[in-house]
Amino acid sequence: MLCLGNRIKKAHKQKGLTQEQLAEVIGVSRSAISKWESGDMEPTIDNLAGLARVLNVSADHLLGLDESRTDRSVWDRLSPTAEKALDLLIREIEKEAKREKEY
């Protein structure tokens, strides 16, 4: 399972941002980003909100709170197409299970 620091690192790399660029946009030092990524420090709530906004992800995602229904270590290795297909399949299964309960 990815920790907060790894999620921050993965998200800013996917956006094509360096630690320095991310730090500048959020208004913190590069060393703060480095400490967050290494787990030596955690961002404040305001900085977490800034990270989520700049990286175009939810704070829940950065905190790992949106990880449900499946093992994230496997989920994170899926291609975006496979991830969408699997998510769609899970939603359809959930809908069918709900329909069966109604009968």
PDB file of N, CA and C in Angstrom:
ATOM      1  N   MET A   1       0.848  -1.173   0.000  1.00  0.00           N
ATOM      2  CA  MET A   1       0.000   0.000   0.000  1.00  0.00           C
ATOM      3  C   MET A   1       0.898   1.241   0.000  1.00  0.00           C
ATOM      4  N   LEU A   2       0.549   2.201  -0.794  1.00  0.00           N
ATOM      5  CA  LEU A   2       1.328   3.430  -0.866  1.00  0.00           C
ATOM      6  C   LEU A   2       1.046   4.316   0.341  1.00  0.00           C
ATOM      7  N   CYS A   3       2.086   4.974   0.839  1.00  0.00           N
ATOM      8  CA  CYS A   3       1.902   5.928   1.924  1.00  0.00           C
ATOM      9  C   CYS A   3       1.716   7.327   1.334  1.00  0.00           C
ATOM     10  N   LEU A   4       1.386   8.268   2.189  1.00  0.00           N
ATOM     11  CA  LEU A   4       1.148   9.649   1.759  1.00  0.00           C
ATOM     12  C   LEU A   4       2.318  10.180   0.936  1.00  0.00           C
ATOM     13  N   GLY A   5       3.537   9.999   1.430  1.00  0.00           N
ATOM     14  CA  GLY A   5       4.712  10.501   0.719  1.00  0.00           C
ATOM     15  C   GLY A   5       4.851   9.930  -0.674  1.00  0.00           C
ATOM     16  N   ASN A   6       4.607   8.638  -0.791  1.00  0.00           N
ATOM     17  CA  ASN A   6       4.695   8.003  -2.111  1.00  0.00           C
ATOM     18  C   ASN A   6       3.603   8.502  -3.043  1.00  0.00           C
ATOM     19  N   ARG A   7       2.432   8.761  -2.500  1.00  0.00           N
ATOM     20  CA  ARG A   7       1.335   9.279  -3.329  1.00  0.00           C
ATOM     21  C   ARG A   7       1.656  10.688  -3.833  1.00  0.00           C
ATOM     22  N   ILE A   8       2.235  11.509  -2.956  1.00  0.00           N
ATOM     23  CA  ILE A   8       2.634  12.861  -3.363  1.00  0.00           C
ATOM     24  C   ILE A   8       3.656  12.769  -4.488  1.00  0.00           C
ATOM     25  N   LYS A   9       4.664  11.942  -4.286  1.00  0.00           N
ATOM     26  CA  LYS A   9       5.734  11.794  -5.281  1.00  0.00           C
ATOM     27  C   LYS A   9       5.181  11.292  -6.613  1.00  0.00           C
ATOM     28  N   LYS A  10       4.348  10.263  -6.550  1.00  0.00           N
ATOM     29  CA  LYS A  10       3.773   9.698  -7.772  1.00  0.00           C
ATOM     30  C   LYS A  10       2.923  10.742  -8.505  1.00  0.00           C
ATOM     31  N   ALA A  11       2.109  11.486  -7.748  1.00  0.00           N
ATOM     32  CA  ALA A  11       1.213  12.470  -8.366  1.00  0.00           C
ATOM     33  C   ALA A  11       1.987  13.612  -9.011  1.00  0.00           C
ATOM     34  N   HIS A  12       3.031  14.116  -8.357  1.00  0.00           N
ATOM     35  CA  HIS A  12       3.739  15.244  -8.975  1.00  0.00           C
ATOM     36  C   HIS A  12       4.577  14.786 -10.161  1.00  0.00           C
ATOM     37  N   LYS A  13       5.054  13.558 -10.131  1.00  0.00           N
ATOM     38  CA  LYS A  13       5.783  13.051 -11.299  1.00  0.00           C
ATOM     39  C   LYS A  13       4.827  12.846 -12.476  1.00  0.00           C
ATOM     40  N   GLN A  14       3.609  12.362 -12.191  1.00  0.00           N
ATOM     41  CA  GLN A  14       2.627  12.182 -13.262  1.00  0.00           C
ATOM     42  C   GLN A  14       2.227  13.520 -13.876  1.00  0.00           C
ATOM     43  N   LYS A  15       2.259  14.577 -13.074  1.00  0.00           N
ATOM     44  CA  LYS A  15       1.962  15.925 -13.577  1.00  0.00           C
ATOM     45  C   LYS A  15       3.171  16.554 -14.260  1.00  0.00           C
ATOM     46  N   GLY A  16       4.326  15.880 -14.189  1.00  0.00           N
ATOM     47  CA  GLY A  16       5.531  16.412 -14.796  1.00  0.00           C
ATOM     48  C   GLY A  16       6.178  17.525 -13.991  1.00  0.00           C
ATOM     49  N   LEU A  17       5.919  17.554 -12.689  1.00  0.00           N
ATOM     50  CA  LEU A  17       6.475  18.587 -11.824  1.00  0.00           C
ATOM     51  C   LEU A  17       7.629  18.039 -10.997  1.00  0.00           C
ATOM     52  N   THR A  18       8.658  18.842 -10.831  1.00  0.00           N
ATOM     53  CA  THR A  18       9.749  18.490  -9.929  1.00  0.00           C
ATOM     54  C   THR A  18       9.352  18.900  -8.514  1.00  0.00           C
ATOM     55  N   GLN A  19      10.139  18.461  -7.543  1.00  0.00           N
ATOM     56  CA  GLN A  19       9.897  18.902  -6.163  1.00  0.00           C
ATOM     57  C   GLN A  19       9.976  20.419  -6.078  1.00  0.00           C
ATOM     58  N   GLU A  20      10.952  20.990  -6.761  1.00  0.00           N
ATOM     59  CA  GLU A  20      11.134  22.440  -6.732  1.00  0.00           C
ATOM     60  C   GLU A  20       9.923  23.176  -7.294  1.00  0.00           C
ATOM     61  N   GLN A  21       9.420  22.698  -8.422  1.00  0.00           N
ATOM     62  CA  GLN A  21       8.258  23.337  -9.048  1.00  0.00           C
ATOM     63  C   GLN A  21       7.022  23.211  -8.162  1.00  0.00           C
ATOM     64  N   LEU A  22       6.817  22.018  -7.607  1.00  0.00           N
ATOM     65  CA  LEU A  22       5.667  21.804  -6.730  1.00  0.00           C
ATOM     66  C   LEU A  22       5.764  22.703  -5.507  1.00  0.00           C
ATOM     67  N   ALA A  23       6.948  22.773  -4.924  1.00  0.00           N
ATOM     68  CA  ALA A  23       7.154  23.610  -3.742  1.00  0.00           C
ATOM     69  C   ALA A  23       6.852  25.072  -4.037  1.00  0.00           C
ATOM     70  N   GLU A  24       7.301  25.546  -5.189  1.00  0.00           N
ATOM     71  CA  GLU A  24       7.087  26.945  -5.554  1.00  0.00           C
ATOM     72  C   GLU A  24       5.600  27.257  -5.696  1.00  0.00           C
ATOM     73  N   VAL A  25       4.870  26.377  -6.350  1.00  0.00           N
ATOM     74  CA  VAL A  25       3.435  26.610  -6.568  1.00  0.00           C
ATOM     75  C   VAL A  25       2.671  26.591  -5.243  1.00  0.00           C
ATOM     76  N   ILE A  26       3.043  25.684  -4.348  1.00  0.00           N
ATOM     77  CA  ILE A  26       2.332  25.560  -3.069  1.00  0.00           C
ATOM     78  C   ILE A  26       2.787  26.620  -2.074  1.00  0.00           C
ATOM     79  N   GLY A  27       4.024  27.092  -2.238  1.00  0.00           N
ATOM     80  CA  GLY A  27       4.532  28.119  -1.330  1.00  0.00           C
ATOM     81  C   GLY A  27       5.290  27.556  -0.141  1.00  0.00           C
ATOM     82  N   VAL A  28       5.980  26.440  -0.372  1.00  0.00           N
ATOM     83  CA  VAL A  28       6.805  25.836   0.666  1.00  0.00           C
ATOM     84  C   VAL A  28       8.203  25.608   0.095  1.00  0.00           C
ATOM     85  N   SER A  29       9.098  25.134   0.924  1.00  0.00           N
ATOM     86  CA  SER A  29      10.454  24.854   0.441  1.00  0.00           C
ATOM     87  C   SER A  29      10.515  23.478  -0.223  1.00  0.00           C
ATOM     88  N   ARG A  30      11.532  23.292  -1.052  1.00  0.00           N
ATOM     89  CA  ARG A  30      11.738  21.985  -1.668  1.00  0.00           C
ATOM     90  C   ARG A  30      12.012  20.940  -0.601  1.00  0.00           C
ATOM     91  N   SER A  31      12.694  21.347   0.470  1.00  0.00           N
ATOM     92  CA  SER A  31      12.987  20.384   1.534  1.00  0.00           C
ATOM     93  C   SER A  31      11.712  19.921   2.238  1.00  0.00           C
ATOM     94  N   ALA A  32      10.693  20.779   2.290  1.00  0.00           N
ATOM     95  CA  ALA A  32       9.410  20.359   2.872  1.00  0.00           C
ATOM     96  C   ALA A  32       8.802  19.243   2.023  1.00  0.00           C
ATOM     97  N   ILE A  33       8.817  19.416   0.698  1.00  0.00           N
ATOM     98  CA  ILE A  33       8.300  18.372  -0.195  1.00  0.00           C
ATOM     99  C   ILE A  33       9.086  17.089   0.019  1.00  0.00           C
ATOM    100  N   SER A  34      10.400  17.202   0.088  1.00  0.00           N
ATOM    101  CA  SER A  34      11.253  16.038   0.295  1.00  0.00           C
ATOM    102  C   SER A  34      10.916  15.325   1.606  1.00  0.00           C
ATOM    103  N   LYS A  35      10.717  16.097   2.666  1.00  0.00           N
ATOM    104  CA  LYS A  35      10.380  15.508   3.972  1.00  0.00           C
ATOM    105  C   LYS A  35       9.002  14.843   3.934  1.00  0.00           C
ATOM    106  N   TRP A  36       8.052  15.435   3.210  1.00  0.00           N
ATOM    107  CA  TRP A  36       6.740  14.810   3.089  1.00  0.00           C
ATOM    108  C   TRP A  36       6.859  13.487   2.357  1.00  0.00           C
ATOM    109  N   GLU A  37       7.644  13.490   1.275  1.00  0.00           N
ATOM    110  CA  GLU A  37       7.795  12.277   0.475  1.00  0.00           C
ATOM    111  C   GLU A  37       8.517  11.170   1.238  1.00  0.00           C
ATOM    112  N   SER A  38       9.464  11.535   2.088  1.00  0.00           N
ATOM    113  CA  SER A  38      10.218  10.530   2.844  1.00  0.00           C
ATOM    114  C   SER A  38       9.480  10.075   4.097  1.00  0.00           C
ATOM    115  N   GLY A  39       8.424  10.788   4.466  1.00  0.00           N
ATOM    116  CA  GLY A  39       7.676  10.445   5.663  1.00  0.00           C
ATOM    117  C   GLY A  39       8.250  11.053   6.928  1.00  0.00           C
ATOM    118  N   ASP A  40       9.256  11.929   6.779  1.00  0.00           N
ATOM    119  CA  ASP A  40       9.845  12.585   7.949  1.00  0.00           C
ATOM    120  C   ASP A  40       8.909  13.635   8.537  1.00  0.00           C
ATOM    121  N   MET A  41       8.055  14.197   7.712  1.00  0.00           N
ATOM    122  CA  MET A  41       7.064  15.193   8.136  1.00  0.00           C
ATOM    123  C   MET A  41       5.791  14.964   7.344  1.00  0.00           C
ATOM    124  N   GLU A  42       4.692  15.485   7.861  1.00  0.00           N
ATOM    125  CA  GLU A  42       3.430  15.458   7.120  1.00  0.00           C
ATOM    126  C   GLU A  42       3.008  16.884   6.827  1.00  0.00           C
ATOM    127  N   PRO A  43       2.366  17.091   5.683  1.00  0.00           N
ATOM    128  CA  PRO A  43       1.925  18.452   5.353  1.00  0.00           C
ATOM    129  C   PRO A  43       0.793  18.898   6.279  1.00  0.00           C
ATOM    130  N   THR A  44       0.696  20.206   6.486  1.00  0.00           N
ATOM    131  CA  THR A  44      -0.437  20.753   7.233  1.00  0.00           C
ATOM    132  C   THR A  44      -1.704  20.541   6.406  1.00  0.00           C
ATOM    133  N   ILE A  45      -2.828  20.771   6.998  1.00  0.00           N
ATOM    134  CA  ILE A  45      -4.093  20.644   6.273  1.00  0.00           C
ATOM    135  C   ILE A  45      -4.128  21.608   5.093  1.00  0.00           C
ATOM    136  N   ASP A  46      -3.654  22.836   5.315  1.00  0.00           N
ATOM    137  CA  ASP A  46      -3.621  23.818   4.217  1.00  0.00           C
ATOM    138  C   ASP A  46      -2.709  23.348   3.087  1.00  0.00           C
ATOM    139  N   ASN A  47      -1.551  22.793   3.452  1.00  0.00           N
ATOM    140  CA  ASN A  47      -0.632  22.306   2.420  1.00  0.00           C
ATOM    141  C   ASN A  47      -1.189  21.069   1.722  1.00  0.00           C
ATOM    142  N   LEU A  48      -1.883  20.225   2.466  1.00  0.00           N
ATOM    143  CA  LEU A  48      -2.518  19.050   1.855  1.00  0.00           C
ATOM    144  C   LEU A  48      -3.562  19.503   0.832  1.00  0.00           C
ATOM    145  N   ALA A  49      -4.340  20.515   1.193  1.00  0.00           N
ATOM    146  CA  ALA A  49      -5.335  21.053   0.259  1.00  0.00           C
ATOM    147  C   ALA A  49      -4.644  21.640  -0.970  1.00  0.00           C
ATOM    148  N   GLY A  50      -3.532  22.336  -0.766  1.00  0.00           N
ATOM    149  CA  GLY A  50      -2.780  22.885  -1.891  1.00  0.00           C
ATOM    150  C   GLY A  50      -2.226  21.802  -2.793  1.00  0.00           C
ATOM    151  N   LEU A  51      -1.694  20.747  -2.187  1.00  0.00           N
ATOM    152  CA  LEU A  51      -1.191  19.614  -2.968  1.00  0.00           C
ATOM    153  C   LEU A  51      -2.306  19.018  -3.824  1.00  0.00           C
ATOM    154  N   ALA A  52      -3.454  18.776  -3.193  1.00  0.00           N
ATOM    155  CA  ALA A  52      -4.576  18.167  -3.910  1.00  0.00           C
ATOM    156  C   ALA A  52      -4.999  19.043  -5.087  1.00  0.00           C
ATOM    157  N   ARG A  53      -5.074  20.346  -4.844  1.00  0.00           N
ATOM    158  CA  ARG A  53      -5.495  21.278  -5.903  1.00  0.00           C
ATOM    159  C   ARG A  53      -4.485  21.286  -7.049  1.00  0.00           C
ATOM    160  N   VAL A  54      -3.213  21.448  -6.723  1.00  0.00           N
ATOM    161  CA  VAL A  54      -2.171  21.550  -7.746  1.00  0.00           C
ATOM    162  C   VAL A  54      -2.001  20.234  -8.500  1.00  0.00           C
ATOM    163  N   LEU A  55      -2.094  19.120  -7.775  1.00  0.00           N
ATOM    164  CA  LEU A  55      -1.874  17.820  -8.400  1.00  0.00           C
ATOM    165  C   LEU A  55      -3.142  17.243  -9.028  1.00  0.00           C
ATOM    166  N   ASN A  56      -4.258  17.957  -8.848  1.00  0.00           N
ATOM    167  CA  ASN A  56      -5.536  17.553  -9.430  1.00  0.00           C
ATOM    168  C   ASN A  56      -5.965  16.156  -8.960  1.00  0.00           C
ATOM    169  N   VAL A  57      -5.805  15.939  -7.652  1.00  0.00           N
ATOM    170  CA  VAL A  57      -6.276  14.707  -7.008  1.00  0.00           C
ATOM    171  C   VAL A  57      -7.012  15.121  -5.744  1.00  0.00           C
ATOM    172  N   SER A  58      -7.754  14.217  -5.165  1.00  0.00           N
ATOM    173  CA  SER A  58      -8.444  14.545  -3.920  1.00  0.00           C
ATOM    174  C   SER A  58      -7.505  14.379  -2.734  1.00  0.00           C
ATOM    175  N   ALA A  59      -7.802  15.095  -1.669  1.00  0.00           N
ATOM    176  CA  ALA A  59      -7.047  14.900  -0.426  1.00  0.00           C
ATOM    177  C   ALA A  59      -7.243  13.468   0.058  1.00  0.00           C
ATOM    178  N   ASP A  60      -8.444  12.926  -0.137  1.00  0.00           N
ATOM    179  CA  ASP A  60      -8.698  11.526   0.223  1.00  0.00           C
ATOM    180  C   ASP A  60      -7.737  10.599  -0.508  1.00  0.00           C
ATOM    181  N   HIS A  61      -7.504  10.882  -1.776  1.00  0.00           N
ATOM    182  CA  HIS A  61      -6.567  10.056  -2.534  1.00  0.00           C
ATOM    183  C   HIS A  61      -5.166  10.140  -1.934  1.00  0.00           C
ATOM    184  N   LEU A  62      -4.704  11.345  -1.662  1.00  0.00           N
ATOM    185  CA  LEU A  62      -3.358  11.510  -1.097  1.00  0.00           C
ATOM    186  C   LEU A  62      -3.241  10.806   0.254  1.00  0.00           C
ATOM    187  N   LEU A  63      -4.317  10.834   1.035  1.00  0.00           N
ATOM    188  CA  LEU A  63      -4.303  10.208   2.357  1.00  0.00           C
ATOM    189  C   LEU A  63      -4.576   8.703   2.302  1.00  0.00           C
ATOM    190  N   GLY A  64      -4.968   8.213   1.138  1.00  0.00           N
ATOM    191  CA  GLY A  64      -5.258   6.786   1.015  1.00  0.00           C
ATOM    192  C   GLY A  64      -6.641   6.401   1.478  1.00  0.00           C
ATOM    193  N   LEU A  65      -7.528   7.387   1.620  1.00  0.00           N
ATOM    194  CA  LEU A  65      -8.870   7.106   2.118  1.00  0.00           C
ATOM    195  C   LEU A  65      -9.828   6.630   1.036  1.00  0.00           C
ATOM    196  N   ASP A  66      -9.419   6.749  -0.227  1.00  0.00           N
ATOM    197  CA  ASP A  66     -10.287   6.288  -1.315  1.00  0.00           C
ATOM    198  C   ASP A  66      -9.942   4.869  -1.725  1.00  0.00           C
ATOM    199  N   GLU A  67      -9.099   4.227  -0.949  1.00  0.00           N
ATOM    200  CA  GLU A  67      -8.668   2.874  -1.286  1.00  0.00           C
ATOM    201  C   GLU A  67      -9.644   1.873  -0.684  1.00  0.00           C
ATOM    202  N   SER A  68     -10.534   1.402  -1.507  1.00  0.00           N
ATOM    203  CA  SER A  68     -11.501   0.429  -1.037  1.00  0.00           C
ATOM    204  C   SER A  68     -11.708  -0.633  -2.093  1.00  0.00           C
ATOM    205  N   ARG A  69     -12.301  -1.699  -1.691  1.00  0.00           N
ATOM    206  CA  ARG A  69     -12.733  -2.785  -2.563  1.00  0.00           C
ATOM    207  C   ARG A  69     -11.606  -3.647  -3.105  1.00  0.00           C
ATOM    208  N   THR A  70     -10.385  -3.193  -3.084  1.00  0.00           N
ATOM    209  CA  THR A  70      -9.321  -3.999  -3.661  1.00  0.00           C
ATOM    210  C   THR A  70      -7.975  -3.595  -3.093  1.00  0.00           C
ATOM    211  N   ASP A  71      -7.005  -4.441  -3.224  1.00  0.00           N
ATOM    212  CA  ASP A  71      -5.656  -4.174  -2.766  1.00  0.00           C
ATOM    213  C   ASP A  71      -5.015  -3.116  -3.655  1.00  0.00           C
ATOM    214  N   ARG A  72      -4.648  -1.985  -3.082  1.00  0.00           N
ATOM    215  CA  ARG A  72      -4.122  -0.880  -3.875  1.00  0.00           C
ATOM    216  C   ARG A  72      -2.793  -1.214  -4.544  1.00  0.00           C
ATOM    217  N   SER A  73      -1.977  -2.081  -3.947  1.00  0.00           N
ATOM    218  CA  SER A  73      -0.702  -2.382  -4.585  1.00  0.00           C
ATOM    219  C   SER A  73      -0.935  -3.009  -5.959  1.00  0.00           C
ATOM    220  N   VAL A  74      -1.969  -3.793  -6.095  1.00  0.00           N
ATOM    221  CA  VAL A  74      -2.328  -4.359  -7.400  1.00  0.00           C
ATOM    222  C   VAL A  74      -3.001  -3.277  -8.246  1.00  0.00           C
ATOM    223  N   TRP A  75      -3.914  -2.543  -7.662  1.00  0.00           N
ATOM    224  CA  TRP A  75      -4.653  -1.486  -8.353  1.00  0.00           C
ATOM    225  C   TRP A  75      -3.698  -0.473  -8.971  1.00  0.00           C
ATOM    226  N   ASP A  76      -2.654  -0.082  -8.230  1.00  0.00           N
ATOM    227  CA  ASP A  76      -1.714   0.929  -8.715  1.00  0.00           C
ATOM    228  C   ASP A  76      -0.890   0.464  -9.902  1.00  0.00           C
ATOM    229  N   ARG A  77      -0.806  -0.841 -10.121  1.00  0.00           N
ATOM    230  CA  ARG A  77      -0.030  -1.348 -11.255  1.00  0.00           C
ATOM    231  C   ARG A  77      -0.861  -1.467 -12.527  1.00  0.00           C
ATOM    232  N   LEU A  78      -2.157  -1.240 -12.440  1.00  0.00           N
ATOM    233  CA  LEU A  78      -3.017  -1.345 -13.617  1.00  0.00           C
ATOM    234  C   LEU A  78      -2.824  -0.153 -14.544  1.00  0.00           C
ATOM    235  N   SER A  79      -3.001  -0.403 -15.820  1.00  0.00           N
ATOM    236  CA  SER A  79      -2.998   0.705 -16.768  1.00  0.00           C
ATOM    237  C   SER A  79      -4.282   1.504 -16.551  1.00  0.00           C
ATOM    238  N   PRO A  80      -4.316   2.762 -16.973  1.00  0.00           N
ATOM    239  CA  PRO A  80      -5.549   3.547 -16.814  1.00  0.00           C
ATOM    240  C   PRO A  80      -6.757   2.878 -17.469  1.00  0.00           C
ATOM    241  N   THR A  81      -6.569   2.255 -18.619  1.00  0.00           N
ATOM    242  CA  THR A  81      -7.678   1.573 -19.298  1.00  0.00           C
ATOM    243  C   THR A  81      -8.170   0.389 -18.480  1.00  0.00           C
ATOM    244  N   ALA A  82      -7.240  -0.403 -17.963  1.00  0.00           N
ATOM    245  CA  ALA A  82      -7.615  -1.566 -17.150  1.00  0.00           C
ATOM    246  C   ALA A  82      -8.272  -1.118 -15.849  1.00  0.00           C
ATOM    247  N   GLU A  83      -7.776  -0.029 -15.262  1.00  0.00           N
ATOM    248  CA  GLU A  83      -8.357   0.485 -14.028  1.00  0.00           C
ATOM    249  C   GLU A  83      -9.807   0.914 -14.253  1.00  0.00           C
ATOM    250  N   LYS A  84     -10.071   1.610 -15.357  1.00  0.00           N
ATOM    251  CA  LYS A  84     -11.438   2.038 -15.667  1.00  0.00           C
ATOM    252  C   LYS A  84     -12.350   0.839 -15.897  1.00  0.00           C
ATOM    253  N   ALA A  85     -11.843  -0.157 -16.621  1.00  0.00           N
ATOM    254  CA  ALA A  85     -12.641  -1.346 -16.901  1.00  0.00           C
ATOM    255  C   ALA A  85     -12.963  -2.099 -15.616  1.00  0.00           C
ATOM    256  N   LEU A  86     -11.978  -2.237 -14.740  1.00  0.00           N
ATOM    257  CA  LEU A  86     -12.204  -2.935 -13.487  1.00  0.00           C
ATOM    258  C   LEU A  86     -13.174  -2.169 -12.603  1.00  0.00           C
ATOM    259  N   ASP A  87     -13.033  -0.851 -12.544  1.00  0.00           N
ATOM    260  CA  ASP A  87     -13.941  -0.037 -11.751  1.00  0.00           C
ATOM    261  C   ASP A  87     -15.368  -0.160 -12.272  1.00  0.00           C
ATOM    262  N   LEU A  88     -15.535  -0.145 -13.587  1.00  0.00           N
ATOM    263  CA  LEU A  88     -16.860  -0.305 -14.191  1.00  0.00           C
ATOM    264  C   LEU A  88     -17.453  -1.672 -13.838  1.00  0.00           C
ATOM    265  N   LEU A  89     -16.641  -2.707 -13.910  1.00  0.00           N
ATOM    266  CA  LEU A  89     -17.091  -4.050 -13.565  1.00  0.00           C
ATOM    267  C   LEU A  89     -17.531  -4.117 -12.108  1.00  0.00           C
ATOM    268  N   ILE A  90     -16.753  -3.528 -11.213  1.00  0.00           N
ATOM    269  CA  ILE A  90     -17.107  -3.531  -9.788  1.00  0.00           C
ATOM    270  C   ILE A  90     -18.427  -2.802  -9.575  1.00  0.00           C
ATOM    271  N   ARG A  91     -18.612  -1.672 -10.231  1.00  0.00           N
ATOM    272  CA  ARG A  91     -19.870  -0.919 -10.087  1.00  0.00           C
ATOM    273  C   ARG A  91     -21.070  -1.739 -10.586  1.00  0.00           C
ATOM    274  N   GLU A  92     -20.889  -2.428 -11.697  1.00  0.00           N
ATOM    275  CA  GLU A  92     -21.976  -3.264 -12.235  1.00  0.00           C
ATOM    276  C   GLU A  92     -22.308  -4.410 -11.282  1.00  0.00           C
ATOM    277  N   ILE A  93     -21.301  -5.003 -10.689  1.00  0.00           N
ATOM    278  CA  ILE A  93     -21.522  -6.083  -9.723  1.00  0.00           C
ATOM    279  C   ILE A  93     -22.264  -5.543  -8.506  1.00  0.00           C
ATOM    280  N   GLU A  94     -21.875  -4.359  -8.042  1.00  0.00           N
ATOM    281  CA  GLU A  94     -22.559  -3.744  -6.900  1.00  0.00           C
ATOM    282  C   GLU A  94     -24.017  -3.442  -7.227  1.00  0.00           C
ATOM    283  N   LYS A  95     -24.289  -2.947  -8.440  1.00  0.00           N
ATOM    284  CA  LYS A  95     -25.668  -2.666  -8.857  1.00  0.00           C
ATOM    285  C   LYS A  95     -26.491  -3.952  -8.880  1.00  0.00           C
ATOM    286  N   GLU A  96     -25.922  -5.015  -9.431  1.00  0.00           N
ATOM    287  CA  GLU A  96     -26.622  -6.297  -9.514  1.00  0.00           C
ATOM    288  C   GLU A  96     -26.902  -6.849  -8.119  1.00  0.00           C
ATOM    289  N   ALA A  97     -25.945  -6.725  -7.232  1.00  0.00           N
ATOM    290  CA  ALA A  97     -26.148  -7.208  -5.851  1.00  0.00           C
ATOM    291  C   ALA A  97     -27.263  -6.415  -5.170  1.00  0.00           C
ATOM    292  N   LYS A  98     -27.326  -5.120  -5.439  1.00  0.00           N
ATOM    293  CA  LYS A  98     -28.386  -4.285  -4.851  1.00  0.00           C
ATOM    294  C   LYS A  98     -29.749  -4.702  -5.406  1.00  0.00           C
ATOM    295  N   ARG A  99     -29.807  -4.973  -6.723  1.00  0.00           N
ATOM    296  CA  ARG A  99     -31.065  -5.411  -7.329  1.00  0.00           C
ATOM    297  C   ARG A  99     -31.539  -6.727  -6.734  1.00  0.00           C
ATOM    298  N   GLU A 100     -30.604  -7.652  -6.512  1.00  0.00           N
ATOM    299  CA  GLU A 100     -30.969  -8.945  -5.942  1.00  0.00           C
ATOM    300  C   GLU A 100     -31.510  -8.807  -4.541  1.00  0.00           C
ATOM    301  N   LYS A 101     -30.981  -7.859  -3.759  1.00  0.00           N
ATOM    302  CA  LYS A 101     -31.473  -7.625  -2.408  1.00  0.00           C
ATOM    303  C   LYS A 101     -32.891  -7.078  -2.408  1.00  0.00           C
ATOM    304  N   GLU A 102     -33.241  -6.333  -3.461  1.00  0.00           N
ATOM    305  CA  GLU A 102     -34.573  -5.727  -3.542  1.00  0.00           C
ATOM    306  C   GLU A 102     -35.649  -6.751  -3.828  1.00  0.00           C
ATOM    307  N   TYR A 103     -35.274  -7.908  -4.367  1.00  0.00           N
ATOM    308  CA  TYR A 103     -36.268  -8.918  -4.686  1.00  0.00           C
ATOM    309  C   TYR A 103     -36.511  -9.853  -3.568  1.00  0.00           C
TER     310      TYR A 103
END
